[in-house]
Amino acid sequence: MTSSSAARRCARRRGEDAVATVIARVLPEHRGRGFGAALYEAGLGHARAAGARAVETVVLAANEDGVRFARARGFDEVERYVLPGERELWLTLRLETCPS
């Protein structure tokens, strides 16, 4: 089953779509010590408890570690954009999930 078909099945079971947005950053000198994983698990737990079937995050495209971290946990890119008056490219990533 693909993640999109799982999301559709979840939506049929749960009704209206609910999305939680989670943004966390681990400074480069603190990466690789489990802080990001702990933040991710805590954020996902709160999102599920709140009834979210999807979690979104935004990552600066130049933050290769952040993009890799999100993708390794099943997030898919859904949007690329540059904020008005800025030059940096941002990515919105989404993880479809049913609350447990």
Protein backbone atom coordinates (compact mmCIF):
# COMPACT_ATOMS: atom_id res chain seq x y z
CA MET A 1 0.00 0.00 0.00
CA THR A 2 1.37 3.44 -0.86
CA SER A 3 1.45 6.25 1.68
CA SER A 4 -1.21 8.16 -0.30
CA SER A 5 -3.61 5.21 -0.31
CA ALA A 6 -2.99 4.74 3.43
CA ALA A 7 -3.80 8.43 3.92
CA ARG A 8 -7.04 8.09 1.95
CA ARG A 9 -8.01 5.04 4.00
CA CYS A 10 -7.24 6.99 7.17
CA ALA A 11 -9.28 9.97 5.96
CA ARG A 12 -12.26 7.71 5.30
CA ARG A 13 -12.02 6.33 8.84
CA ARG A 14 -11.44 9.61 10.62
CA GLY A 15 -13.44 12.18 8.64
CA GLU A 16 -12.20 15.73 8.09
CA ASP A 17 -8.48 16.29 7.47
CA ALA A 18 -6.35 17.54 10.38
CA VAL A 19 -2.75 18.69 9.95
CA ALA A 20 -0.18 19.60 12.60
CA THR A 21 2.79 21.80 11.71
CA VAL A 22 5.98 21.00 13.57
CA ILE A 23 9.17 23.03 13.16
CA ALA A 24 12.27 22.18 15.18
CA ARG A 25 15.92 22.89 14.58
CA VAL A 26 18.99 21.23 16.00
CA LEU A 27 22.11 23.36 15.70
CA PRO A 28 24.88 21.74 13.64
CA GLU A 29 27.21 21.30 16.60
CA HIS A 30 24.53 19.26 18.42
CA ARG A 31 23.45 17.01 15.55
CA GLY A 32 24.01 13.27 15.61
CA ARG A 33 23.27 12.93 19.34
CA GLY A 34 19.60 11.98 19.18
CA PHE A 35 18.14 15.43 19.93
CA GLY A 36 16.36 15.64 16.58
CA ALA A 37 14.93 12.14 16.95
CA ALA A 38 13.65 12.97 20.44
CA LEU A 39 12.04 16.20 19.21
CA TYR A 40 10.53 14.35 16.25
CA GLU A 41 9.03 11.58 18.41
CA ALA A 42 7.63 14.08 20.92
CA GLY A 43 6.15 16.28 18.17
CA LEU A 44 4.62 13.30 16.38
CA GLY A 45 3.14 12.06 19.66
CA HIS A 46 1.55 15.45 20.36
CA ALA A 47 0.21 15.65 16.79
CA ARG A 48 -1.37 12.21 17.07
CA ALA A 49 -2.86 13.05 20.48
CA ALA A 50 -4.38 16.17 18.92
CA GLY A 51 -5.97 14.03 16.19
CA ALA A 52 -3.72 15.03 13.30
CA ARG A 53 -3.58 12.63 10.38
CA ALA A 54 -0.73 14.56 8.77
CA VAL A 55 2.30 16.45 10.02
CA GLU A 56 4.00 19.18 8.01
CA THR A 57 7.34 20.85 8.52
CA VAL A 58 9.33 23.48 6.67
CA VAL A 59 13.05 23.18 6.07
CA LEU A 60 15.49 25.55 4.45
CA ALA A 61 16.50 23.73 1.25
CA ALA A 62 20.18 24.46 1.96
CA ASN A 63 19.85 22.53 5.25
CA GLU A 64 20.73 19.16 3.71
CA ASP A 65 20.85 17.46 7.12
CA GLY A 66 17.32 18.66 7.94
CA VAL A 67 15.92 17.62 4.57
CA ARG A 68 17.62 14.21 4.84
CA PHE A 69 16.30 13.78 8.42
CA ALA A 70 12.70 14.49 7.36
CA ARG A 71 12.84 12.30 4.26
CA ALA A 72 14.34 9.40 6.23
CA ARG A 73 11.24 9.51 8.45
CA GLY A 74 8.79 9.36 5.56
CA PHE A 75 8.15 13.04 4.86
CA ASP A 76 7.50 13.90 1.21
CA GLU A 77 8.12 17.29 -0.37
CA VAL A 78 4.86 19.06 -1.22
CA GLU A 79 5.98 22.62 -1.92
CA ARG A 80 9.02 24.78 -2.74
CA TYR A 81 8.92 28.54 -2.27
CA VAL A 82 10.87 31.73 -1.62
CA LEU A 83 9.40 34.18 0.87
CA PRO A 84 8.70 37.70 -0.43
CA GLY A 85 11.81 39.85 -0.23
CA GLU A 86 14.11 36.88 0.47
CA ARG A 87 16.33 34.60 -1.61
CA GLU A 88 16.42 31.37 0.37
CA LEU A 89 14.48 28.38 -0.96
CA TRP A 90 12.23 26.66 1.58
CA LEU A 91 10.63 23.22 1.36
CA THR A 92 7.37 22.12 2.91
CA LEU A 93 7.41 18.40 3.72
CA ARG A 94 4.41 16.30 4.77
CA LEU A 95 4.02 12.99 6.58
CA GLU A 96 0.65 11.23 6.28
CA THR A 97 -0.17 9.38 9.47
CA CYS A 98 -3.22 8.16 11.37
CA PRO A 99 -3.46 8.87 15.07
CA SER A 100 -2.85 5.76 17.11
